[in-house]
N, C-alpha and C. Protein backbone atom coordinates (compact mmCIF):
# COMPACT_ATOMS: atom_id res chain seq x y z
N MET A 1 137.47 68.63 84.44
CA MET A 1 136.49 68.76 83.39
C MET A 1 136.07 67.40 82.88
N ALA A 2 136.97 66.49 82.83
CA ALA A 2 136.63 65.15 82.38
C ALA A 2 135.70 64.47 83.37
N THR A 3 135.87 64.79 84.64
CA THR A 3 135.01 64.19 85.66
C THR A 3 133.59 64.72 85.55
N ALA A 4 133.44 65.98 85.28
CA ALA A 4 132.10 66.56 85.13
C ALA A 4 131.39 65.98 83.94
N ARG A 5 132.11 65.77 82.84
CA ARG A 5 131.51 65.18 81.65
C ARG A 5 131.06 63.74 81.93
N CYS A 6 131.87 63.02 82.65
CA CYS A 6 131.55 61.63 82.97
C CYS A 6 130.31 61.55 83.85
N ALA A 7 130.21 62.42 84.84
CA ALA A 7 129.04 62.42 85.73
C ALA A 7 127.79 62.82 84.98
N LYS A 8 127.90 63.83 84.09
CA LYS A 8 126.75 64.29 83.29
C LYS A 8 126.28 63.17 82.39
N PHE A 9 127.22 62.44 81.79
CA PHE A 9 126.86 61.34 80.92
C PHE A 9 126.12 60.24 81.69
N LEU A 10 126.62 59.93 82.87
CA LEU A 10 125.99 58.87 83.67
C LEU A 10 124.59 59.28 84.14
N LEU A 11 124.40 60.53 84.49
CA LEU A 11 123.09 60.98 84.96
C LEU A 11 122.08 61.07 83.83
N GLN A 12 122.49 61.36 82.64
CA GLN A 12 121.55 61.54 81.53
C GLN A 12 121.21 60.24 80.84
N ARG A 13 122.14 59.41 80.55
CA ARG A 13 121.92 58.27 79.66
C ARG A 13 122.16 56.91 80.31
N SER A 14 121.93 56.82 81.57
CA SER A 14 122.19 55.54 82.23
C SER A 14 121.08 54.56 81.89
N THR A 15 121.42 53.42 81.39
CA THR A 15 120.43 52.39 81.08
C THR A 15 120.52 51.22 82.03
N GLN A 16 121.53 51.24 82.86
CA GLN A 16 121.70 50.11 83.77
C GLN A 16 121.23 50.41 85.17
N GLY A 17 120.72 51.61 85.42
CA GLY A 17 120.14 51.94 86.71
C GLY A 17 121.13 52.09 87.83
N PHE A 18 122.12 52.97 87.69
CA PHE A 18 123.05 53.23 88.77
C PHE A 18 122.31 53.92 89.91
N LEU A 19 122.80 53.77 91.12
CA LEU A 19 122.13 54.32 92.29
C LEU A 19 122.08 55.84 92.29
N PHE A 20 123.06 56.51 91.71
CA PHE A 20 123.07 57.96 91.75
C PHE A 20 122.34 58.58 90.57
N SER A 21 121.70 57.80 89.76
CA SER A 21 120.92 58.32 88.64
C SER A 21 119.51 58.65 89.09
N PRO A 22 118.96 59.83 88.71
CA PRO A 22 117.60 60.16 89.13
C PRO A 22 116.55 59.29 88.47
N ARG A 23 116.86 58.66 87.35
CA ARG A 23 115.88 57.83 86.65
C ARG A 23 116.17 56.35 86.83
N ALA A 24 116.82 55.99 87.88
CA ALA A 24 117.19 54.59 88.08
C ALA A 24 115.93 53.76 88.29
N MET A 25 115.86 52.62 87.64
CA MET A 25 114.72 51.72 87.76
C MET A 25 115.07 50.62 88.76
N PRO A 26 114.12 50.24 89.62
CA PRO A 26 114.41 49.14 90.55
C PRO A 26 114.53 47.83 89.79
N ALA A 27 115.13 46.86 90.42
CA ALA A 27 115.32 45.57 89.78
C ALA A 27 113.99 44.92 89.44
N PHE A 28 112.98 45.08 90.31
CA PHE A 28 111.64 44.57 90.05
C PHE A 28 110.73 45.76 89.81
N SER A 29 110.24 45.90 88.62
CA SER A 29 109.41 47.06 88.32
C SER A 29 107.94 46.81 88.64
N SER A 30 107.54 45.57 88.88
CA SER A 30 106.15 45.27 89.20
C SER A 30 105.86 45.61 90.66
N PRO A 31 104.73 46.30 90.96
CA PRO A 31 104.43 46.61 92.36
C PRO A 31 104.13 45.36 93.18
N LEU A 32 103.73 44.26 92.55
CA LEU A 32 103.44 43.03 93.29
C LEU A 32 104.70 42.34 93.76
N LEU A 33 105.80 42.57 93.05
CA LEU A 33 107.05 41.91 93.42
C LEU A 33 107.93 42.78 94.31
N SER A 34 107.57 43.99 94.49
CA SER A 34 108.36 44.92 95.28
C SER A 34 107.99 44.81 96.75
N ARG A 35 108.96 44.90 97.62
CA ARG A 35 108.70 44.87 99.06
C ARG A 35 108.05 46.15 99.54
N ALA A 36 108.18 47.20 98.78
CA ALA A 36 107.64 48.49 99.18
C ALA A 36 106.15 48.61 98.84
N HIS A 37 105.58 47.61 98.21
CA HIS A 37 104.17 47.68 97.84
C HIS A 37 103.30 47.63 99.08
N ARG A 38 102.36 48.52 99.19
CA ARG A 38 101.47 48.58 100.34
C ARG A 38 100.04 48.52 99.87
N LEU A 39 99.27 47.67 100.49
CA LEU A 39 97.86 47.59 100.16
C LEU A 39 97.13 48.76 100.80
N GLU A 40 96.29 49.40 100.06
CA GLU A 40 95.51 50.51 100.57
C GLU A 40 94.14 50.00 100.99
N PRO A 41 93.58 50.50 102.09
CA PRO A 41 92.25 50.05 102.49
C PRO A 41 91.20 50.59 101.53
N THR A 42 90.23 49.76 101.26
CA THR A 42 89.12 50.22 100.43
C THR A 42 88.16 51.02 101.30
N ASP A 43 87.21 51.65 100.68
CA ASP A 43 86.31 52.54 101.40
C ASP A 43 85.55 51.82 102.52
N ASP A 44 85.08 50.60 102.27
CA ASP A 44 84.32 49.90 103.30
C ASP A 44 85.19 49.49 104.48
N GLU A 45 86.48 49.26 104.27
CA GLU A 45 87.36 48.90 105.37
C GLU A 45 87.67 50.08 106.27
N LEU A 46 87.58 51.28 105.75
CA LEU A 46 87.88 52.46 106.55
C LEU A 46 86.84 52.70 107.63
N TYR A 47 85.61 52.30 107.39
CA TYR A 47 84.51 52.65 108.28
C TYR A 47 84.01 51.49 109.12
N GLN A 48 84.64 50.33 109.03
CA GLN A 48 84.22 49.18 109.84
C GLN A 48 84.76 49.33 111.26
N ARG A 49 83.96 48.90 112.21
CA ARG A 49 84.39 48.92 113.60
C ARG A 49 84.25 47.52 114.18
N THR A 50 85.12 47.21 115.09
CA THR A 50 85.07 45.92 115.76
C THR A 50 84.46 46.13 117.13
N THR A 51 83.50 45.28 117.47
CA THR A 51 82.89 45.36 118.79
C THR A 51 83.09 44.03 119.51
N VAL A 52 83.21 44.11 120.82
CA VAL A 52 83.39 42.93 121.65
C VAL A 52 82.34 42.96 122.75
N ASN A 53 81.62 41.86 122.90
CA ASN A 53 80.65 41.73 123.98
C ASN A 53 81.18 40.71 124.97
N VAL A 54 81.31 41.10 126.22
CA VAL A 54 81.76 40.19 127.26
C VAL A 54 80.53 39.57 127.89
N MET A 55 80.37 38.26 127.67
CA MET A 55 79.19 37.58 128.19
C MET A 55 79.35 37.30 129.69
N GLN A 56 80.51 36.81 130.06
CA GLN A 56 80.74 36.48 131.46
C GLN A 56 82.22 36.66 131.74
N LYS A 57 82.53 37.33 132.81
CA LYS A 57 83.94 37.49 133.17
C LYS A 57 84.46 36.18 133.74
N GLU A 58 85.66 35.82 133.33
CA GLU A 58 86.26 34.57 133.81
C GLU A 58 86.84 34.78 135.20
N ALA A 59 86.80 33.72 135.96
CA ALA A 59 87.44 33.75 137.28
C ALA A 59 88.94 33.81 137.07
N ASP A 60 89.65 34.37 138.04
CA ASP A 60 91.08 34.54 137.88
C ASP A 60 91.81 33.22 137.71
N GLY A 61 91.57 32.24 138.50
CA GLY A 61 92.27 30.98 138.34
C GLY A 61 91.36 29.79 138.58
N GLY A 62 90.14 30.04 139.02
CA GLY A 62 89.25 28.96 139.33
C GLY A 62 89.47 28.46 140.74
N VAL A 63 88.84 27.37 141.06
CA VAL A 63 88.92 26.76 142.39
C VAL A 63 90.17 25.87 142.43
N LEU A 64 90.96 26.01 143.50
CA LEU A 64 92.13 25.16 143.67
C LEU A 64 92.11 24.50 145.04
N ILE A 65 92.56 23.27 145.10
CA ILE A 65 92.65 22.53 146.36
C ILE A 65 94.03 22.81 146.93
N HIS A 66 94.07 23.45 148.10
CA HIS A 66 95.35 23.82 148.70
C HIS A 66 95.92 22.72 149.58
N SER A 67 95.05 21.97 150.27
CA SER A 67 95.55 20.88 151.10
C SER A 67 94.42 19.90 151.39
N TYR A 68 94.79 18.73 151.89
CA TYR A 68 93.82 17.71 152.29
C TYR A 68 94.32 17.06 153.57
N SER A 69 93.39 16.48 154.31
CA SER A 69 93.71 15.78 155.55
C SER A 69 92.63 14.73 155.77
N PRO A 70 92.78 13.88 156.79
CA PRO A 70 91.71 12.92 157.08
C PRO A 70 90.39 13.59 157.45
N ALA A 71 90.45 14.85 157.90
CA ALA A 71 89.22 15.56 158.26
C ALA A 71 88.51 16.15 157.05
N GLY A 72 89.26 16.51 156.00
CA GLY A 72 88.64 17.14 154.83
C GLY A 72 89.65 17.87 153.97
N PHE A 73 89.21 18.99 153.40
CA PHE A 73 90.00 19.69 152.40
C PHE A 73 90.03 21.19 152.67
N ASN A 74 91.10 21.84 152.21
CA ASN A 74 91.20 23.29 152.21
C ASN A 74 91.13 23.71 150.74
N ILE A 75 89.99 24.30 150.37
CA ILE A 75 89.75 24.67 148.98
C ILE A 75 89.60 26.19 148.91
N ASP A 76 90.61 26.84 148.36
CA ASP A 76 90.63 28.31 148.26
C ASP A 76 90.35 28.98 149.60
N GLY A 77 90.92 28.44 150.67
CA GLY A 77 90.75 29.04 152.00
C GLY A 77 89.48 28.59 152.71
N ASN A 78 88.62 27.84 152.04
CA ASN A 78 87.40 27.31 152.66
C ASN A 78 87.69 25.91 153.20
N ARG A 79 87.41 25.70 154.48
CA ARG A 79 87.63 24.40 155.10
C ARG A 79 86.39 23.55 154.88
N VAL A 80 86.56 22.42 154.20
CA VAL A 80 85.45 21.51 153.90
C VAL A 80 85.70 20.22 154.67
N PHE A 81 84.75 19.83 155.51
CA PHE A 81 84.89 18.61 156.31
C PHE A 81 84.21 17.45 155.62
N GLY A 82 84.92 16.33 155.51
CA GLY A 82 84.37 15.14 154.90
C GLY A 82 84.44 15.16 153.39
N PRO A 83 83.78 14.17 152.75
CA PRO A 83 83.78 14.10 151.28
C PRO A 83 83.12 15.33 150.67
N CYS A 84 83.63 15.74 149.51
CA CYS A 84 83.07 16.92 148.85
C CYS A 84 82.99 16.72 147.35
N ALA A 85 82.07 17.47 146.75
CA ALA A 85 81.91 17.52 145.30
C ALA A 85 82.28 18.93 144.86
N LEU A 86 83.22 19.03 143.95
CA LEU A 86 83.65 20.33 143.43
C LEU A 86 83.07 20.50 142.03
N LEU A 87 82.20 21.47 141.91
CA LEU A 87 81.63 21.85 140.62
C LEU A 87 81.90 23.34 140.46
N PRO A 88 83.12 23.70 140.06
CA PRO A 88 83.51 25.12 140.09
C PRO A 88 82.45 26.03 139.47
N PRO A 89 82.12 27.10 140.18
CA PRO A 89 82.73 27.61 141.40
C PRO A 89 82.11 27.07 142.69
N ALA A 90 81.22 26.08 142.63
CA ALA A 90 80.54 25.57 143.82
C ALA A 90 81.37 24.47 144.51
N ILE A 91 81.28 24.47 145.84
CA ILE A 91 81.90 23.43 146.67
C ILE A 91 80.77 22.85 147.51
N LEU A 92 80.49 21.56 147.33
CA LEU A 92 79.34 20.93 147.99
C LEU A 92 79.78 19.74 148.84
N GLN A 93 79.04 19.48 149.92
CA GLN A 93 79.23 18.25 150.67
C GLN A 93 78.72 17.11 149.81
N TRP A 94 79.44 15.99 149.80
CA TRP A 94 79.05 14.84 148.98
C TRP A 94 78.71 13.71 149.92
N ASN A 95 77.52 13.17 149.80
CA ASN A 95 77.00 12.18 150.74
C ASN A 95 77.50 10.77 150.40
N VAL A 96 78.79 10.55 150.52
CA VAL A 96 79.39 9.22 150.37
C VAL A 96 80.35 9.02 151.53
N GLY A 97 80.52 7.77 151.94
CA GLY A 97 81.44 7.49 153.03
C GLY A 97 82.71 6.84 152.52
N THR A 98 82.56 5.85 151.62
CA THR A 98 83.71 5.14 151.06
C THR A 98 83.51 5.03 149.55
N HIS A 99 84.47 4.40 148.89
CA HIS A 99 84.35 4.22 147.44
C HIS A 99 83.16 3.34 147.08
N GLU A 100 82.73 2.48 148.00
CA GLU A 100 81.58 1.61 147.73
C GLU A 100 80.27 2.39 147.67
N ASP A 101 80.25 3.59 148.25
CA ASP A 101 79.04 4.42 148.23
C ASP A 101 78.93 5.26 146.96
N ILE A 102 79.93 5.21 146.08
CA ILE A 102 79.84 5.94 144.81
C ILE A 102 78.98 5.11 143.87
N THR A 103 77.73 5.53 143.71
CA THR A 103 76.74 4.81 142.90
C THR A 103 76.25 5.71 141.77
N GLU A 104 75.38 5.17 140.94
CA GLU A 104 74.79 5.96 139.85
C GLU A 104 74.03 7.17 140.41
N GLU A 105 73.39 6.97 141.56
CA GLU A 105 72.65 8.07 142.18
C GLU A 105 73.58 9.15 142.73
N SER A 106 74.71 8.74 143.32
CA SER A 106 75.61 9.74 143.90
C SER A 106 76.37 10.55 142.85
N VAL A 107 76.54 10.02 141.64
CA VAL A 107 77.21 10.78 140.58
C VAL A 107 76.22 11.52 139.67
N SER A 108 74.92 11.37 139.95
CA SER A 108 73.91 12.04 139.11
C SER A 108 74.09 13.56 139.14
N LEU A 109 74.60 14.07 140.24
CA LEU A 109 74.87 15.50 140.37
C LEU A 109 75.82 15.98 139.27
N PHE A 110 76.80 15.17 138.92
CA PHE A 110 77.84 15.59 137.98
C PHE A 110 77.36 15.64 136.53
N HIS A 111 76.37 14.83 136.16
CA HIS A 111 75.94 14.87 134.76
C HIS A 111 74.68 15.71 134.54
N MET A 112 74.17 16.35 135.59
CA MET A 112 72.99 17.20 135.45
C MET A 112 73.33 18.69 135.33
N VAL A 113 74.56 19.07 135.58
CA VAL A 113 74.90 20.48 135.61
C VAL A 113 75.21 21.02 134.21
N GLU A 114 75.04 22.32 134.06
CA GLU A 114 75.43 23.04 132.85
C GLU A 114 76.44 24.09 133.24
N PRO A 115 77.48 24.35 132.52
CA PRO A 115 77.90 23.70 131.28
C PRO A 115 78.34 22.26 131.55
N ARG A 116 78.26 21.45 130.52
CA ARG A 116 78.57 20.03 130.64
C ARG A 116 80.02 19.83 131.08
N ILE A 117 80.22 18.89 131.96
CA ILE A 117 81.55 18.57 132.47
C ILE A 117 82.29 17.72 131.43
N GLU A 118 83.54 18.08 131.18
CA GLU A 118 84.38 17.28 130.28
C GLU A 118 84.98 16.10 131.02
N ILE A 119 85.53 16.38 132.21
CA ILE A 119 86.27 15.36 132.96
C ILE A 119 85.81 15.37 134.41
N LEU A 120 85.54 14.19 134.95
CA LEU A 120 85.23 14.02 136.37
C LEU A 120 86.40 13.29 137.02
N VAL A 121 86.98 13.92 138.03
CA VAL A 121 88.10 13.32 138.77
C VAL A 121 87.53 12.78 140.08
N LEU A 122 87.68 11.48 140.30
CA LEU A 122 87.19 10.85 141.53
C LEU A 122 88.38 10.45 142.40
N GLY A 123 88.41 10.96 143.63
CA GLY A 123 89.43 10.59 144.61
C GLY A 123 88.83 9.59 145.58
N THR A 124 89.38 8.38 145.63
CA THR A 124 88.76 7.29 146.39
C THR A 124 89.34 7.10 147.80
N GLY A 125 90.11 8.04 148.26
CA GLY A 125 90.66 7.92 149.62
C GLY A 125 92.16 7.73 149.58
N THR A 126 92.67 6.97 150.56
CA THR A 126 94.11 6.77 150.70
C THR A 126 94.71 6.02 149.53
N LYS A 127 94.00 5.03 149.02
CA LYS A 127 94.53 4.27 147.89
C LYS A 127 93.49 4.16 146.79
N LEU A 128 93.96 3.82 145.62
CA LEU A 128 93.08 3.68 144.46
C LEU A 128 92.15 2.49 144.66
N GLU A 129 90.87 2.73 144.51
CA GLU A 129 89.86 1.67 144.65
C GLU A 129 89.07 1.56 143.36
N ARG A 130 88.50 0.39 143.14
CA ARG A 130 87.71 0.14 141.94
C ARG A 130 86.31 0.71 142.09
N ILE A 131 85.84 1.42 141.05
CA ILE A 131 84.49 1.98 141.03
C ILE A 131 83.58 1.02 140.27
N SER A 132 82.32 0.99 140.63
CA SER A 132 81.35 0.09 139.99
C SER A 132 81.32 0.32 138.47
N PRO A 133 81.34 -0.76 137.70
CA PRO A 133 81.27 -0.62 136.23
C PRO A 133 79.99 0.06 135.76
N ALA A 134 78.90 -0.08 136.50
CA ALA A 134 77.64 0.58 136.13
C ALA A 134 77.78 2.11 136.20
N VAL A 135 78.53 2.59 137.20
CA VAL A 135 78.76 4.04 137.34
C VAL A 135 79.60 4.55 136.17
N LEU A 136 80.66 3.81 135.85
CA LEU A 136 81.53 4.22 134.75
C LEU A 136 80.79 4.19 133.42
N ALA A 137 79.92 3.19 133.22
CA ALA A 137 79.12 3.10 131.99
C ALA A 137 78.14 4.27 131.88
N LEU A 138 77.52 4.65 133.01
CA LEU A 138 76.60 5.79 133.01
C LEU A 138 77.32 7.07 132.59
N LEU A 139 78.48 7.32 133.17
CA LEU A 139 79.23 8.54 132.85
C LEU A 139 79.73 8.52 131.41
N LYS A 140 80.06 7.35 130.89
CA LYS A 140 80.47 7.24 129.49
C LYS A 140 79.31 7.56 128.56
N ARG A 141 78.10 7.08 128.90
CA ARG A 141 76.91 7.41 128.09
C ARG A 141 76.62 8.90 128.10
N LYS A 142 76.95 9.57 129.19
CA LYS A 142 76.73 11.01 129.32
C LYS A 142 77.90 11.82 128.74
N SER A 143 78.87 11.17 128.11
CA SER A 143 80.04 11.79 127.49
C SER A 143 80.92 12.54 128.48
N ILE A 144 81.09 11.94 129.66
CA ILE A 144 81.96 12.51 130.68
C ILE A 144 83.14 11.56 130.87
N ALA A 145 84.35 12.05 130.65
CA ALA A 145 85.54 11.24 130.89
C ALA A 145 85.76 11.15 132.40
N VAL A 146 86.17 9.99 132.87
CA VAL A 146 86.35 9.76 134.31
C VAL A 146 87.80 9.41 134.59
N GLU A 147 88.36 10.04 135.60
CA GLU A 147 89.71 9.74 136.07
C GLU A 147 89.58 9.31 137.52
N VAL A 148 89.81 8.03 137.82
CA VAL A 148 89.72 7.51 139.18
C VAL A 148 91.13 7.37 139.73
N GLN A 149 91.38 8.03 140.88
CA GLN A 149 92.71 8.01 141.48
C GLN A 149 92.58 8.02 143.00
N ASP A 150 93.70 7.78 143.68
CA ASP A 150 93.70 8.01 145.12
C ASP A 150 93.57 9.52 145.33
N THR A 151 93.09 9.93 146.49
CA THR A 151 92.77 11.34 146.73
C THR A 151 93.95 12.29 146.56
N PRO A 152 95.15 11.99 147.07
CA PRO A 152 96.26 12.92 146.84
C PRO A 152 96.53 13.21 145.36
N ASN A 153 96.53 12.16 144.55
CA ASN A 153 96.75 12.34 143.11
C ASN A 153 95.55 12.99 142.43
N ALA A 154 94.35 12.70 142.91
CA ALA A 154 93.15 13.31 142.34
C ALA A 154 93.15 14.82 142.58
N CYS A 155 93.61 15.25 143.76
CA CYS A 155 93.70 16.70 144.04
C CYS A 155 94.67 17.37 143.08
N ALA A 156 95.82 16.75 142.85
CA ALA A 156 96.81 17.32 141.94
C ALA A 156 96.29 17.35 140.50
N THR A 157 95.61 16.29 140.09
CA THR A 157 95.05 16.24 138.74
C THR A 157 93.98 17.30 138.56
N PHE A 158 93.11 17.46 139.56
CA PHE A 158 92.08 18.49 139.50
C PHE A 158 92.70 19.88 139.36
N ASN A 159 93.70 20.19 140.18
CA ASN A 159 94.37 21.50 140.11
C ASN A 159 95.01 21.72 138.74
N PHE A 160 95.63 20.69 138.19
CA PHE A 160 96.27 20.82 136.88
C PHE A 160 95.23 21.10 135.80
N LEU A 161 94.13 20.36 135.80
CA LEU A 161 93.09 20.57 134.79
C LEU A 161 92.43 21.94 134.94
N MET A 162 92.27 22.41 136.18
CA MET A 162 91.72 23.75 136.39
C MET A 162 92.68 24.82 135.86
N SER A 163 93.98 24.61 136.02
CA SER A 163 94.94 25.59 135.52
C SER A 163 94.93 25.64 134.00
N GLU A 164 94.52 24.55 133.35
CA GLU A 164 94.38 24.53 131.90
C GLU A 164 93.03 25.06 131.44
N ARG A 165 92.20 25.49 132.40
CA ARG A 165 90.86 26.04 132.15
C ARG A 165 89.94 25.02 131.46
N ARG A 166 90.07 23.78 131.88
CA ARG A 166 89.18 22.73 131.39
C ARG A 166 87.91 22.74 132.22
N VAL A 167 86.83 22.21 131.67
CA VAL A 167 85.57 22.10 132.40
C VAL A 167 85.65 20.79 133.18
N VAL A 168 86.03 20.89 134.44
CA VAL A 168 86.33 19.72 135.25
C VAL A 168 85.56 19.79 136.56
N ALA A 169 85.22 18.62 137.08
CA ALA A 169 84.58 18.52 138.40
C ALA A 169 85.31 17.41 139.16
N ALA A 170 85.11 17.39 140.47
CA ALA A 170 85.78 16.37 141.28
C ALA A 170 84.85 15.89 142.37
N GLY A 171 84.94 14.60 142.66
CA GLY A 171 84.31 13.99 143.82
C GLY A 171 85.42 13.41 144.66
N LEU A 172 85.60 13.94 145.87
CA LEU A 172 86.76 13.57 146.67
C LEU A 172 86.36 13.01 148.02
N ILE A 173 86.99 11.89 148.39
CA ILE A 173 86.84 11.29 149.71
C ILE A 173 88.15 11.52 150.44
N PRO A 174 88.13 12.09 151.65
CA PRO A 174 89.40 12.36 152.36
C PRO A 174 90.17 11.07 152.64
N PRO A 175 91.50 11.14 152.59
CA PRO A 175 92.30 9.96 152.92
C PRO A 175 92.22 9.69 154.42
N VAL A 176 92.34 8.43 154.80
CA VAL A 176 92.31 8.10 156.23
C VAL A 176 93.68 8.35 156.83
N TYR A 177 93.72 8.48 158.14
CA TYR A 177 94.96 8.74 158.85
C TYR A 177 95.87 7.53 158.70
N ASN A 178 97.11 7.76 158.31
CA ASN A 178 98.07 6.69 158.09
C ASN A 178 98.94 6.51 159.32
N LYS A 179 98.84 5.35 159.97
CA LYS A 179 99.62 5.08 161.19
C LYS A 179 101.04 4.66 160.87
N ALA A 180 101.36 4.41 159.62
CA ALA A 180 102.69 3.95 159.24
C ALA A 180 103.74 5.05 159.48
N LEU A 181 103.32 6.30 159.41
CA LEU A 181 104.25 7.42 159.60
C LEU A 181 104.35 7.88 161.04
N GLN A 182 103.59 7.26 161.92
CA GLN A 182 103.56 7.67 163.32
C GLN A 182 104.82 7.16 164.03
N VAL A 183 105.44 8.01 164.83
CA VAL A 183 106.64 7.67 165.57
C VAL A 183 106.22 7.14 166.94
N THR A 184 106.69 5.98 167.29
CA THR A 184 106.36 5.40 168.61
C THR A 184 107.65 5.29 169.43
N GLU A 185 107.51 5.51 170.71
CA GLU A 185 108.67 5.39 171.62
C GLU A 185 108.57 4.06 172.34
N GLU A 186 109.69 3.39 172.46
CA GLU A 186 109.70 2.10 173.16
C GLU A 186 110.49 2.18 174.42
């Protein structure tokens, strides 16, 4: 009987908010401070719809250079003989023979295309060669960053930039056959 009286007293007159009291008040009585507060959508939010327009579907990975040789390049399964200009998704023959043939006229292709190219990767053959300062100045005026490298490194740089989905183009000259690795019998 004493237990029933004690429970009745606690349920009726609890001012400290015991958990088993039906009138227990939470520690924070403000709805802004309570974790259980939920924002309700207003009338205009209930009827809004989101629409998406796809302007152009993206290519799965873009153009990648799979291999190179003194004869040319293997670009996404396409065999390209000689120097080439890559303007994804286009693969073009590039009318240069050596790094000395890279002139303002030969790079005009790269600054005339849309969308604008961010980075132009130039592969100069077996080893890194110096490009004419006039060519570099022209590309700088056109806001195109230039990366001049030997062709093996230029291919790797181009593939890396394409994987980052950058707007990149490449002008590549195939490396010449290296006789240093050739085995000779005496």
